[in-house]
Amino acid sequence: MSDSYRVSEHPEGDIELKKVRDYSSGDKPSELKSADEEVDLERAIELTGFGWYHIGLIAICGGILVATVCETMGMSFVHPAAQCDLALTTVKKGYLSGAMFLGIVVSANAWGFFADTFGRKKVLLISTIGTWAFSFMSSFSPTTNLFIVLRFLTGLFCSNQSTVYAYITEFLPTSKRASIITWTCGFMAIGYLLIPGLAWLLIPLEVNWDLGFVVYTSWRVYLAAIGSLSFATGFLLPFFPESPKFLMSVGRKREALNVLRLVYNRNSGNSNVEYPVKNLKSDVHDTPGHVTTALSFTLQGLFKLMWHQTATLFRPPYGWTTLLFCLIQFGICVTSMGMYIWIPNLLNMIKSGAGIGATICELVLANQANLTLNSASESADCSSLIRSEVYTSTLVTGVFSVVAFGTLGGLVAILRKKTVLVSALFLSGIAGFGNYFATNEITVAVLISVSVAVAGSCSTVSNTIAVEVYPTNLRAMAVSLAFTIGRLGIALAGNTIGILIESYCDFTLIGLGCVTLLCSLLCILLPE
C-alpha cells in the first residue's frame, strides 16, 4: 500500500496535511497538492480505498443477483411440480414460462430510466420488495390464470439486474472495477446451485396445508422460499447509501462527498473528517441536465423523457456500440439461459436413452418413438414426481457456472476484458458444436454444461465493458436496454428450443453453436 495525505484540523482552525495509508490500489502515492484542491470523482473514489464497505457492497449486490436468478430460472422446477395442482397443460406451461420474462422485457427499460433519473438505490429497494411481494402472493394462486398474472407482475419488478451493475460500478476504484464486477456477478452461479438444491430439499416434502381457498403444497413452499431472497436483500439495502456518481450527476456534490467520507471511514477505520478530499470537481460528461431541467412528472412527460434518453443511445457516438451490446446480449441469453431451461429434460433423456454410441439427436428420436408406443398404455392419473436425476443434472450445470464465473473473474483482472470475452465465447461455441457430435453420456453432459455456463458468464463480462463505455446519466439505461433484448432472447429460446430440438434437432444444435461463435466475432468490434 502506498501513502496519501489526510487532513486533520487543529482547534485553532489550522489545517495540517498528514500521511495516511492509501487503501485503494496501492500502486502509486495519491497526494493532494493542498487541502482545497478540487478532485475529480474517479480519483476521489480511489482515495476511499478498498475494504469492508466494498465487501458488504459486493455481498448485497451479489445477493440481489442470486435472488433474480432464482426467481426467473427457478420456475423450471415449478412447472412439473405444479402440473397436477393447477392442471397445467403444455400450452399453459408455455404461458407461465413466458409471463415472467414478458414482465421483465416490458419493464427493464423503464427501470433503467428511473435509476438514471431518481437514483440507483431507490430503484433497487422498490424492485426487490415488489419482486418479493408478488412472488409470495403467487405461491397462494388457486388458479392457473391468476398464477400467470402474478408471475407477470413479479417479472415487472424483477428487472433490476442492470441497475445492480450501475450501482456497484459507481463505488469501485477504476483499478479494481472489472474484476470486482465479474466476481460479484459470479454470485449468479450460486443461484444456479440454489435452484436445484432448494427444489430437491423442499419439493419432495409431504406438505398439504388446507387454507380453505387453496391447498398449500411443497412446490408453493419452494416458490415462497425463492421469493424470500428478494425480501432479505430489500431489508438490507437501506443500510447502504446512494451512488456518489449519481449524486454528482444531479448536482448534489455535498451529498456525494459525504457518501465518499462514509466509504472511507468503513474501509480504513479512520474518522470521516480525515478523508483528504474536501472539494469534488464536476465532470462535463456527467452533467445533470436530464434531471435538473424542468421535468413534468406526468405520464406523458415521463414517456417523453424516457424516449429521449433511449433515442440518445442510438445516436452518435453511442449508436453502433449500443447495437453491438444488444446483439451480443441477445445471442448470449439465447444460448445460455434459454438453453438452461431445457438442460434437465435433455440430460434426463440421455440417462434413459438408447445406450452407447447414440448422439443427442438420435436419443431425441428414440424418446419420441417411446412416447408414441407408450401413449396408449399410459395411466390417466396425474403425476408431479420429479426424478432425482433432474436435480443432479441441473446441479452439474451449477457447478460449471461457479467454475466459469470464478475463472473469468480472475482473467479480467490480468487480461483485457475484450480478449477474455472473445475467447470465452469462442470456447462456448466450440463446446456447443461438440454437443452435436458427442456420443458418450458423460461427454454430452459436460459439453452442454460448459457451453451454457461459459456463455452465461460472458454476459457479465459484456456488462462490465458496457458500464465503462457510457456516462453516468446513460449507464443504467444502456445496460437495461441490452438486458431487455437479452430477456427477449430467453423468452424466445425458452418457448422454441424444445420444439425445434424435437423437429429439427441437427439444425438447432449446430445453429446454437453458430450463434455463440457469431457473438464472439461481434465482441471484436466492441470499444476498448
Protein backbone atom coordinates (compact mmCIF):
# COMPACT_ATOMS: atom_id res chain seq x y z
CA MET A 1 0.00 0.00 0.00
CA SER A 2 1.17 3.49 -0.78
CA ASP A 3 1.00 6.73 1.15
CA SER A 4 -1.52 9.51 0.63
CA TYR A 5 -2.35 12.64 2.59
CA ARG A 6 -5.18 13.18 5.02
CA VAL A 7 -6.50 16.37 6.51
CA SER A 8 -6.68 16.98 10.25
CA GLU A 9 -7.99 20.14 11.86
CA HIS A 10 -6.43 21.80 14.91
CA PRO A 11 -8.61 23.50 17.49
CA GLU A 12 -7.38 26.84 16.18
CA GLY A 13 -8.81 26.02 12.77
CA ASP A 14 -5.45 25.41 11.05
CA ILE A 15 -5.24 22.64 8.55
CA GLU A 16 -2.42 20.14 8.55
CA LEU A 17 -1.68 17.52 5.92
CA LYS A 18 -0.60 14.16 7.34
CA LYS A 19 0.36 10.99 5.59
CA VAL A 20 -2.03 8.04 5.84
CA ARG A 21 -2.19 4.72 4.10
CA ASP A 22 -3.81 4.60 0.72
CA TYR A 23 -6.41 1.80 0.85
CA SER A 24 -7.05 1.70 -2.89
CA SER A 25 -4.83 0.03 -5.47
CA GLY A 26 -1.59 0.61 -3.61
CA ASP A 27 0.36 1.13 -6.81
CA LYS A 28 1.33 4.80 -6.55
CA PRO A 29 1.18 7.53 -3.93
CA SER A 30 -2.05 9.52 -4.11
CA GLU A 31 -1.13 13.01 -3.00
CA LEU A 32 -3.14 16.22 -2.96
CA LYS A 33 -1.34 19.49 -3.57
CA SER A 34 -3.48 21.26 -0.98
CA ALA A 35 -6.49 20.63 1.21
CA ASP A 36 -8.65 22.86 -1.02
CA GLU A 37 -7.74 21.12 -4.28
CA GLU A 38 -10.73 20.10 -6.40
CA VAL A 39 -10.54 16.37 -7.06
CA ASP A 40 -12.31 14.53 -9.86
CA LEU A 41 -14.69 11.80 -8.78
CA GLU A 42 -12.63 8.87 -10.07
CA ARG A 43 -9.62 9.95 -8.03
CA ALA A 44 -11.83 10.64 -5.01
CA ILE A 45 -13.18 7.09 -5.22
CA GLU A 46 -9.62 5.75 -5.37
CA LEU A 47 -8.84 7.65 -2.17
CA THR A 48 -11.68 5.92 -0.30
CA GLY A 49 -9.67 2.73 -0.65
CA PHE A 50 -10.99 -0.79 -0.85
CA GLY A 51 -12.10 -2.62 2.27
CA TRP A 52 -15.03 -3.66 4.43
CA TYR A 53 -17.52 -1.31 2.83
CA HIS A 54 -16.90 -2.81 -0.59
CA ILE A 55 -17.10 -6.33 0.80
CA GLY A 56 -20.56 -5.52 2.14
CA LEU A 57 -21.50 -3.88 -1.16
CA ILE A 58 -20.40 -6.97 -3.10
CA ALA A 59 -22.46 -9.16 -0.76
CA ILE A 60 -25.68 -7.14 -1.11
CA CYS A 61 -25.37 -6.71 -4.90
CA GLY A 62 -24.44 -10.38 -5.29
CA GLY A 63 -27.45 -11.29 -3.17
CA ILE A 64 -29.77 -9.32 -5.47
CA LEU A 65 -28.34 -11.17 -8.48
CA VAL A 66 -28.81 -14.54 -6.75
CA ALA A 67 -32.43 -13.65 -5.97
CA THR A 68 -33.02 -12.59 -9.58
CA VAL A 69 -31.61 -15.83 -10.99
CA CYS A 70 -33.63 -17.97 -8.58
CA GLU A 71 -36.83 -16.03 -9.29
CA THR A 72 -36.54 -16.31 -13.07
CA MET A 73 -34.93 -19.72 -13.63
CA GLY A 74 -36.37 -21.48 -10.58
CA MET A 75 -39.74 -21.79 -12.34
CA SER A 76 -38.30 -24.71 -14.31
CA PHE A 77 -38.95 -26.91 -11.26
CA VAL A 78 -42.36 -25.40 -10.52
CA HIS A 79 -43.80 -26.47 -13.88
CA PRO A 80 -43.64 -30.25 -13.33
CA ALA A 81 -44.34 -29.99 -9.61
CA ALA A 82 -47.47 -27.84 -10.05
CA GLN A 83 -48.92 -29.54 -13.10
CA CYS A 84 -51.43 -31.57 -11.06
CA ASP A 85 -52.46 -28.84 -8.61
CA LEU A 86 -53.13 -26.31 -11.38
CA ALA A 87 -53.98 -28.76 -14.19
CA LEU A 88 -51.16 -27.31 -16.31
CA THR A 89 -51.25 -28.30 -19.95
CA THR A 90 -48.23 -27.86 -22.20
CA VAL A 91 -49.72 -24.65 -23.60
CA LYS A 92 -50.34 -23.23 -20.12
CA LYS A 93 -46.80 -24.12 -19.09
CA GLY A 94 -45.65 -22.09 -22.08
CA TYR A 95 -47.76 -19.13 -20.97
CA LEU A 96 -46.40 -19.46 -17.44
CA SER A 97 -42.81 -19.54 -18.72
CA GLY A 98 -43.35 -16.51 -20.89
CA ALA A 99 -45.27 -14.43 -18.33
CA MET A 100 -42.27 -13.77 -16.10
CA PHE A 101 -39.95 -12.82 -18.95
CA LEU A 102 -42.66 -10.74 -20.60
CA GLY A 103 -42.87 -8.70 -17.42
CA ILE A 104 -39.10 -8.31 -17.38
CA VAL A 105 -38.99 -7.22 -21.03
CA VAL A 106 -41.82 -4.70 -20.56
CA SER A 107 -40.28 -3.04 -17.51
CA ALA A 108 -36.49 -3.37 -17.90
CA ASN A 109 -36.02 -0.19 -19.93
CA ALA A 110 -38.29 1.76 -17.57
CA TRP A 111 -36.30 0.66 -14.50
CA GLY A 112 -33.10 1.80 -16.21
CA PHE A 113 -34.68 5.18 -16.89
CA PHE A 114 -35.90 5.51 -13.29
CA ALA A 115 -32.44 4.52 -11.99
CA ASP A 116 -30.79 7.23 -14.11
CA THR A 117 -33.42 9.79 -13.10
CA PHE A 118 -34.34 9.12 -9.47
CA GLY A 119 -31.41 7.11 -8.15
CA ARG A 120 -29.96 3.58 -8.13
CA LYS A 121 -30.75 2.78 -4.50
CA LYS A 122 -34.42 3.79 -4.70
CA VAL A 123 -34.99 1.63 -7.76
CA LEU A 124 -33.24 -1.37 -6.22
CA LEU A 125 -35.24 -1.06 -3.00
CA ILE A 126 -38.62 -0.76 -4.73
CA SER A 127 -37.89 -3.54 -7.22
CA THR A 128 -36.62 -6.07 -4.66
CA ILE A 129 -39.56 -5.56 -2.27
CA GLY A 130 -42.01 -5.60 -5.19
CA THR A 131 -40.50 -8.84 -6.52
CA TRP A 132 -40.87 -10.49 -3.12
CA ALA A 133 -44.45 -9.29 -2.62
CA PHE A 134 -45.81 -10.58 -5.93
CA SER A 135 -43.73 -13.77 -5.82
CA PHE A 136 -45.06 -14.56 -2.34
CA MET A 137 -48.64 -13.84 -3.44
CA SER A 138 -48.20 -16.08 -6.49
CA SER A 139 -47.46 -19.04 -4.21
CA PHE A 140 -51.10 -18.81 -3.00
CA SER A 141 -52.61 -18.82 -6.51
CA PRO A 142 -55.62 -21.17 -6.64
CA THR A 143 -55.98 -20.98 -10.43
CA THR A 144 -53.65 -21.06 -13.41
CA ASN A 145 -54.81 -17.73 -14.80
CA LEU A 146 -54.17 -15.90 -11.52
CA PHE A 147 -50.79 -17.62 -11.26
CA ILE A 148 -49.82 -16.38 -14.72
CA VAL A 149 -50.91 -12.80 -13.91
CA LEU A 150 -48.97 -12.75 -10.63
CA ARG A 151 -45.83 -14.15 -12.27
CA PHE A 152 -46.10 -11.40 -14.90
CA LEU A 153 -46.31 -8.80 -12.12
CA THR A 154 -43.32 -10.44 -10.42
CA GLY A 155 -41.41 -10.04 -13.67
CA LEU A 156 -42.29 -6.34 -13.81
CA PHE A 157 -40.34 -5.80 -10.59
CA CYS A 158 -37.59 -8.34 -11.28
CA SER A 159 -35.84 -6.25 -13.95
CA ASN A 160 -33.27 -4.68 -11.63
CA GLN A 161 -30.18 -6.59 -12.73
CA SER A 162 -28.85 -3.76 -14.91
CA THR A 163 -29.25 -1.29 -12.04
CA VAL A 164 -27.11 -3.55 -9.85
CA TYR A 165 -24.25 -3.26 -12.37
CA ALA A 166 -24.51 0.53 -12.44
CA TYR A 167 -24.80 0.82 -8.63
CA ILE A 168 -21.77 -1.28 -7.69
CA THR A 169 -19.62 0.14 -10.51
CA GLU A 170 -20.01 3.68 -9.20
CA PHE A 171 -18.39 2.82 -5.85
CA LEU A 172 -15.39 0.94 -7.21
CA PRO A 173 -11.85 2.23 -7.89
CA THR A 174 -11.04 2.02 -11.60
CA SER A 175 -8.15 -0.39 -10.98
CA LYS A 176 -10.48 -2.98 -9.42
CA ARG A 177 -13.71 -2.34 -11.31
CA ALA A 178 -13.65 -5.07 -13.96
CA SER A 179 -12.55 -7.91 -11.71
CA ILE A 180 -14.87 -6.98 -8.83
CA ILE A 181 -17.94 -6.68 -11.07
CA THR A 182 -17.18 -10.06 -12.61
CA TRP A 183 -16.67 -11.64 -9.20
CA THR A 184 -19.89 -10.06 -7.92
CA CYS A 185 -21.84 -11.36 -10.88
CA GLY A 186 -20.32 -14.73 -10.10
CA PHE A 187 -22.92 -14.83 -7.32
CA MET A 188 -25.38 -15.72 -10.07
CA ALA A 189 -23.63 -19.09 -10.29
CA ILE A 190 -24.63 -19.63 -6.66
CA GLY A 191 -28.20 -19.11 -7.84
CA TYR A 192 -27.81 -21.95 -10.31
CA LEU A 193 -26.76 -24.17 -7.40
CA LEU A 194 -29.54 -22.93 -5.09
CA ILE A 195 -32.31 -23.62 -7.62
CA PRO A 196 -31.92 -27.43 -7.76
CA GLY A 197 -30.69 -27.51 -4.15
CA LEU A 198 -33.80 -25.82 -2.73
CA ALA A 199 -36.05 -27.76 -5.10
CA TRP A 200 -34.52 -31.08 -4.04
CA LEU A 201 -34.87 -30.10 -0.37
CA LEU A 202 -38.43 -28.72 -0.42
CA ILE A 203 -40.46 -30.16 -3.32
CA PRO A 204 -40.28 -33.83 -2.21
CA LEU A 205 -41.70 -32.86 1.22
CA GLU A 206 -45.18 -34.07 2.13
CA VAL A 207 -46.88 -30.70 2.62
CA ASN A 208 -50.67 -30.35 2.38
CA TRP A 209 -51.91 -27.32 4.33
CA ASP A 210 -55.58 -26.70 3.60
CA LEU A 211 -56.12 -22.92 3.74
CA GLY A 212 -59.70 -23.10 2.51
CA PHE A 213 -59.25 -21.36 -0.83
CA VAL A 214 -56.11 -23.38 -1.71
CA VAL A 215 -54.13 -26.40 -0.54
CA TYR A 216 -50.61 -25.15 0.18
CA THR A 217 -48.28 -27.88 -1.11
CA SER A 218 -44.50 -28.31 -1.28
CA TRP A 219 -43.98 -26.53 -4.60
CA ARG A 220 -45.67 -23.46 -3.10
CA VAL A 221 -43.26 -23.60 -0.15
CA TYR A 222 -40.39 -23.75 -2.66
CA LEU A 223 -41.74 -20.70 -4.53
CA ALA A 224 -42.11 -18.73 -1.29
CA ALA A 225 -38.55 -19.68 -0.28
CA ILE A 226 -37.19 -18.34 -3.58
CA GLY A 227 -39.09 -15.07 -3.12
CA SER A 228 -37.72 -14.62 0.41
CA LEU A 229 -34.26 -14.00 -1.09
CA SER A 230 -35.54 -10.73 -2.60
CA PHE A 231 -37.07 -9.73 0.74
CA ALA A 232 -33.73 -10.30 2.52
CA THR A 233 -31.81 -8.06 0.11
CA GLY A 234 -34.53 -5.40 0.22
CA PHE A 235 -34.32 -5.40 4.03
CA LEU A 236 -30.54 -4.79 3.94
CA LEU A 237 -30.43 -2.16 1.18
CA PRO A 238 -31.37 0.83 3.41
CA PHE A 239 -28.03 0.37 5.21
CA PHE A 240 -26.20 1.43 2.02
CA PRO A 241 -26.04 4.99 0.57
CA GLU A 242 -26.93 6.29 -2.87
CA SER A 243 -24.28 6.10 -5.60
CA PRO A 244 -21.87 9.08 -5.40
CA LYS A 245 -21.72 9.26 -9.19
CA PHE A 246 -25.48 9.56 -9.45
CA LEU A 247 -25.47 12.28 -6.78
CA MET A 248 -22.81 14.16 -8.74
CA SER A 249 -24.79 13.77 -11.97
CA VAL A 250 -27.77 15.54 -10.39
CA GLY A 251 -25.71 18.32 -8.87
CA ARG A 252 -25.71 17.08 -5.26
CA LYS A 253 -21.95 17.41 -4.72
CA ARG A 254 -22.11 17.80 -0.93
CA GLU A 255 -24.10 14.57 -0.54
CA ALA A 256 -21.70 12.76 -2.86
CA LEU A 257 -18.77 13.92 -0.74
CA ASN A 258 -20.50 12.70 2.42
CA VAL A 259 -21.01 9.28 0.85
CA LEU A 260 -17.31 9.09 -0.07
CA ARG A 261 -16.38 10.02 3.51
CA LEU A 262 -18.61 7.22 4.79
CA VAL A 263 -16.97 4.70 2.43
CA TYR A 264 -13.52 5.90 3.52
CA ASN A 265 -14.49 5.55 7.17
CA ARG A 266 -15.75 1.99 6.81
CA ASN A 267 -12.78 0.92 4.69
CA SER A 268 -9.97 2.47 6.74
CA GLY A 269 -11.45 2.78 10.21
CA ASN A 270 -10.40 6.45 10.26
CA SER A 271 -12.74 9.31 11.06
CA ASN A 272 -14.80 10.83 8.23
CA VAL A 273 -13.03 14.19 8.67
CA GLU A 274 -9.70 12.53 7.86
CA TYR A 275 -10.80 11.84 4.28
CA PRO A 276 -8.35 14.01 2.28
CA VAL A 277 -10.84 15.26 -0.34
CA LYS A 278 -12.67 18.49 0.53
CA ASN A 279 -13.94 19.56 -2.88
CA LEU A 280 -15.18 17.49 -5.84
CA LYS A 281 -14.69 18.56 -9.44
CA SER A 282 -17.74 18.34 -11.72
CA ASP A 283 -17.40 16.01 -14.72
CA VAL A 284 -18.55 17.51 -18.01
CA HIS A 285 -19.67 14.04 -19.16
CA ASP A 286 -21.96 13.65 -16.15
CA THR A 287 -23.86 16.89 -16.25
CA PRO A 288 -27.25 16.89 -14.56
CA GLY A 289 -29.17 18.34 -17.46
CA HIS A 290 -31.51 15.40 -17.99
CA VAL A 291 -32.69 15.59 -14.39
CA THR A 292 -32.44 19.16 -13.25
CA THR A 293 -34.31 20.62 -16.18
CA ALA A 294 -37.97 21.29 -15.60
CA LEU A 295 -39.46 17.82 -15.62
CA SER A 296 -43.18 17.30 -15.97
CA PHE A 297 -44.00 14.43 -13.61
CA THR A 298 -46.94 13.31 -15.70
CA LEU A 299 -47.23 10.02 -17.54
CA GLN A 300 -46.78 11.82 -20.85
CA GLY A 301 -43.76 13.71 -19.54
CA LEU A 302 -42.09 10.56 -18.25
CA PHE A 303 -42.64 8.67 -21.51
CA LYS A 304 -41.32 11.63 -23.50
CA LEU A 305 -38.20 11.82 -21.35
CA MET A 306 -37.73 8.05 -21.48
CA TRP A 307 -37.99 8.07 -25.27
CA HIS A 308 -35.49 10.95 -25.49
CA GLN A 309 -32.99 9.13 -23.31
CA THR A 310 -33.41 5.84 -25.22
CA ALA A 311 -33.03 7.61 -28.57
CA THR A 312 -29.79 9.17 -27.31
CA LEU A 313 -28.30 5.67 -27.02
CA PHE A 314 -28.79 5.13 -30.76
CA ARG A 315 -27.29 8.44 -31.83
CA PRO A 316 -23.56 9.19 -32.26
CA PRO A 317 -21.28 8.48 -30.55
CA TYR A 318 -23.16 5.57 -28.89
CA GLY A 319 -25.41 4.21 -31.66
CA TRP A 320 -23.18 1.48 -33.12
CA THR A 321 -21.91 0.44 -29.69
CA THR A 322 -25.46 0.15 -28.30
CA LEU A 323 -26.49 -2.05 -31.24
CA LEU A 324 -23.49 -4.31 -30.67
CA PHE A 325 -24.22 -4.75 -26.96
CA CYS A 326 -27.87 -5.57 -27.71
CA LEU A 327 -27.00 -8.18 -30.35
CA ILE A 328 -24.35 -9.77 -28.13
CA GLN A 329 -26.68 -9.95 -25.12
CA PHE A 330 -29.44 -11.45 -27.27
CA GLY A 331 -27.16 -14.20 -28.59
CA ILE A 332 -25.61 -14.96 -25.19
CA CYS A 333 -29.02 -15.22 -23.49
CA VAL A 334 -30.41 -17.50 -26.22
CA THR A 335 -27.52 -19.95 -25.96
CA SER A 336 -27.09 -19.84 -22.17
CA MET A 337 -30.19 -19.10 -20.09
CA GLY A 338 -32.61 -20.04 -22.87
CA MET A 339 -30.89 -23.40 -23.24
CA TYR A 340 -30.61 -23.81 -19.45
CA ILE A 341 -34.37 -24.24 -19.21
CA TRP A 342 -34.10 -27.43 -21.27
CA ILE A 343 -31.00 -28.95 -19.66
CA PRO A 344 -32.87 -31.12 -17.11
CA ASN A 345 -35.01 -32.66 -19.86
CA LEU A 346 -32.11 -33.26 -22.23
CA LEU A 347 -29.77 -34.81 -19.65
CA ASN A 348 -32.59 -36.89 -18.20
CA MET A 349 -33.41 -38.11 -21.71
CA ILE A 350 -29.77 -39.12 -22.18
CA LYS A 351 -29.76 -41.16 -18.97
CA SER A 352 -32.79 -43.15 -20.11
CA GLY A 353 -31.83 -43.20 -23.79
CA ALA A 354 -30.77 -45.68 -26.40
CA GLY A 355 -27.34 -46.52 -24.99
CA ILE A 356 -23.70 -46.20 -26.04
CA GLY A 357 -22.92 -44.62 -29.41
CA ALA A 358 -26.12 -42.56 -29.70
CA THR A 359 -25.95 -38.81 -30.29
CA ILE A 360 -28.32 -36.31 -28.68
CA CYS A 361 -30.45 -36.18 -31.82
CA GLU A 362 -30.66 -39.98 -32.02
CA LEU A 363 -31.76 -40.07 -28.38
CA VAL A 364 -34.41 -37.43 -29.07
CA LEU A 365 -35.82 -39.54 -31.92
CA ALA A 366 -35.73 -42.68 -29.75
CA ASN A 367 -37.52 -40.85 -26.94
CA GLN A 368 -40.24 -39.63 -29.27
CA ALA A 369 -40.73 -43.17 -30.55
CA ASN A 370 -41.02 -44.49 -26.99
CA LEU A 371 -43.60 -41.83 -26.13
CA THR A 372 -45.66 -42.82 -29.15
CA LEU A 373 -45.54 -46.51 -28.25
CA ASN A 374 -46.40 -45.93 -24.60
CA SER A 375 -49.08 -43.28 -25.06
CA ALA A 376 -51.89 -45.83 -25.40
CA SER A 377 -51.00 -47.66 -22.18
CA GLU A 378 -50.20 -44.64 -20.01
CA SER A 379 -52.26 -44.18 -16.87
CA ALA A 380 -54.62 -41.27 -16.78
CA ASP A 381 -53.51 -40.43 -13.25
CA CYS A 382 -51.61 -37.18 -12.96
CA SER A 383 -48.06 -37.41 -11.61
CA SER A 384 -45.98 -34.47 -10.42
CA LEU A 385 -42.98 -36.60 -9.38
CA ILE A 386 -39.60 -35.13 -10.29
CA ARG A 387 -36.92 -37.80 -10.57
CA SER A 388 -33.67 -37.32 -8.66
CA GLU A 389 -31.71 -37.32 -11.94
CA VAL A 390 -33.32 -34.00 -12.84
CA TYR A 391 -31.94 -32.37 -9.69
CA THR A 392 -28.45 -33.82 -10.03
CA SER A 393 -28.20 -32.96 -13.73
CA THR A 394 -29.07 -29.33 -13.03
CA LEU A 395 -26.58 -29.23 -10.16
CA VAL A 396 -23.85 -30.23 -12.64
CA THR A 397 -24.52 -27.09 -14.67
CA GLY A 398 -24.47 -25.03 -11.47
CA VAL A 399 -21.01 -26.35 -10.62
CA PHE A 400 -19.73 -25.46 -14.09
CA SER A 401 -21.25 -21.98 -13.70
CA VAL A 402 -19.32 -21.44 -10.46
CA VAL A 403 -16.09 -22.50 -12.18
CA ALA A 404 -16.78 -20.33 -15.24
CA PHE A 405 -17.59 -17.18 -13.27
CA GLY A 406 -14.60 -17.71 -10.98
CA THR A 407 -12.22 -18.25 -13.89
CA LEU A 408 -13.39 -15.24 -15.87
CA GLY A 409 -13.32 -13.12 -12.72
CA GLY A 410 -9.64 -13.91 -12.36
CA LEU A 411 -8.82 -13.47 -16.06
CA VAL A 412 -10.34 -9.99 -16.44
CA ALA A 413 -8.04 -8.83 -13.65
CA ILE A 414 -4.93 -9.69 -15.66
CA LEU A 415 -6.07 -9.60 -19.31
CA ARG A 416 -8.05 -7.22 -21.50
CA LYS A 417 -11.78 -7.69 -20.94
CA LYS A 418 -12.49 -7.87 -24.65
CA THR A 419 -9.87 -10.60 -25.11
CA VAL A 420 -11.46 -12.64 -22.31
CA LEU A 421 -14.94 -12.15 -23.78
CA VAL A 422 -13.96 -13.14 -27.32
CA SER A 423 -12.01 -16.20 -26.17
CA ALA A 424 -14.67 -17.45 -23.74
CA LEU A 425 -17.48 -17.15 -26.29
CA PHE A 426 -15.33 -18.96 -28.84
CA LEU A 427 -14.81 -21.81 -26.34
CA SER A 428 -18.55 -21.92 -25.62
CA GLY A 429 -19.34 -22.06 -29.35
CA ILE A 430 -16.92 -24.96 -29.91
CA ALA A 431 -18.50 -26.83 -26.97
CA GLY A 432 -21.91 -26.15 -28.50
CA PHE A 433 -20.80 -27.71 -31.78
CA GLY A 434 -19.39 -30.66 -29.84
CA ASN A 435 -22.88 -31.37 -28.47
CA TYR A 436 -23.98 -32.44 -31.94
CA PHE A 437 -21.17 -34.96 -32.44
CA ALA A 438 -20.73 -36.35 -28.91
CA THR A 439 -21.95 -39.92 -28.31
CA ASN A 440 -20.70 -40.55 -24.77
CA GLU A 441 -23.15 -39.75 -21.97
CA ILE A 442 -20.57 -38.03 -19.77
CA THR A 443 -19.10 -36.08 -22.70
CA VAL A 444 -22.54 -34.82 -23.72
CA ALA A 445 -23.36 -33.73 -20.16
CA VAL A 446 -20.04 -31.90 -19.80
CA LEU A 447 -20.25 -30.16 -23.19
CA ILE A 448 -23.80 -28.95 -22.60
CA SER A 449 -22.85 -27.63 -19.17
CA VAL A 450 -19.68 -25.94 -20.47
CA SER A 451 -21.41 -24.27 -23.43
CA VAL A 452 -24.23 -22.92 -21.25
CA ALA A 453 -22.15 -21.96 -18.19
CA VAL A 454 -19.34 -20.21 -20.10
CA ALA A 455 -21.75 -18.29 -22.33
CA GLY A 456 -23.77 -17.24 -19.29
CA SER A 457 -20.70 -15.88 -17.51
CA CYS A 458 -19.81 -13.91 -20.65
CA SER A 459 -22.97 -11.85 -20.17
CA THR A 460 -21.33 -10.42 -17.06
CA VAL A 461 -18.11 -9.50 -18.87
CA SER A 462 -20.14 -7.79 -21.59
CA ASN A 463 -21.96 -5.72 -18.96
CA THR A 464 -18.62 -4.89 -17.34
CA ILE A 465 -17.48 -3.32 -20.61
CA ALA A 466 -20.83 -1.55 -21.09
CA VAL A 467 -20.80 0.25 -17.75
CA GLU A 468 -17.41 1.77 -18.61
CA VAL A 469 -18.46 2.96 -22.08
CA TYR A 470 -21.46 5.10 -21.13
CA PRO A 471 -21.59 8.21 -18.91
CA THR A 472 -23.41 8.13 -15.58
CA ASN A 473 -26.65 9.67 -16.90
CA LEU A 474 -26.99 6.93 -19.56
CA ARG A 475 -25.28 3.96 -17.91
CA ALA A 476 -28.22 2.20 -16.25
CA MET A 477 -30.46 2.89 -19.24
CA ALA A 478 -27.92 1.41 -21.67
CA VAL A 479 -27.40 -1.76 -19.66
CA SER A 480 -31.17 -2.05 -19.14
CA LEU A 481 -31.75 -1.86 -22.88
CA ALA A 482 -29.24 -4.64 -23.58
CA PHE A 483 -30.75 -6.56 -20.65
CA THR A 484 -34.22 -6.22 -22.22
CA ILE A 485 -33.05 -7.52 -25.58
CA GLY A 486 -31.30 -10.40 -23.82
CA ARG A 487 -34.50 -11.33 -21.99
CA LEU A 488 -36.32 -11.34 -25.30
CA GLY A 489 -33.79 -13.95 -26.36
CA ILE A 490 -34.52 -16.05 -23.26
CA ALA A 491 -38.27 -15.86 -23.84
CA LEU A 492 -37.81 -16.84 -27.49
CA ALA A 493 -35.43 -19.70 -26.72
CA GLY A 494 -37.40 -20.97 -23.73
CA ASN A 495 -40.53 -21.38 -25.83
CA THR A 496 -38.95 -22.69 -29.04
CA ILE A 497 -35.75 -24.68 -28.34
CA GLY A 498 -37.66 -27.72 -27.06
CA ILE A 499 -39.93 -27.75 -30.12
CA LEU A 500 -37.03 -27.15 -32.51
CA ILE A 501 -34.91 -29.93 -30.99
CA GLU A 502 -37.79 -32.38 -31.43
CA SER A 503 -38.45 -31.35 -35.05
CA TYR A 504 -35.08 -30.07 -36.31
CA CYS A 505 -32.50 -31.38 -33.86
CA ASP A 506 -29.44 -31.16 -36.14
CA PHE A 507 -30.25 -27.62 -37.25
CA THR A 508 -30.93 -26.46 -33.68
CA LEU A 509 -27.72 -27.76 -32.06
CA ILE A 510 -25.48 -26.51 -34.88
CA GLY A 511 -27.39 -23.23 -35.01
CA LEU A 512 -26.86 -22.57 -31.29
CA GLY A 513 -23.12 -23.13 -31.74
CA CYS A 514 -23.09 -20.70 -34.69
CA VAL A 515 -24.92 -18.03 -32.68
CA THR A 516 -22.28 -18.21 -29.93
CA LEU A 517 -19.41 -18.01 -32.42
CA LEU A 518 -21.08 -15.03 -34.12
CA CYS A 519 -21.27 -13.29 -30.74
CA SER A 520 -17.54 -13.94 -30.32
CA LEU A 521 -16.85 -12.18 -33.63
CA LEU A 522 -19.12 -9.25 -32.75
CA CYS A 523 -17.22 -8.74 -29.50
CA ILE A 524 -14.10 -7.93 -31.51
CA LEU A 525 -15.87 -4.76 -32.67
CA LEU A 526 -16.59 -3.53 -29.13
CA PRO A 527 -14.69 -0.45 -27.90
CA GLU A 528 -11.67 -0.98 -25.64
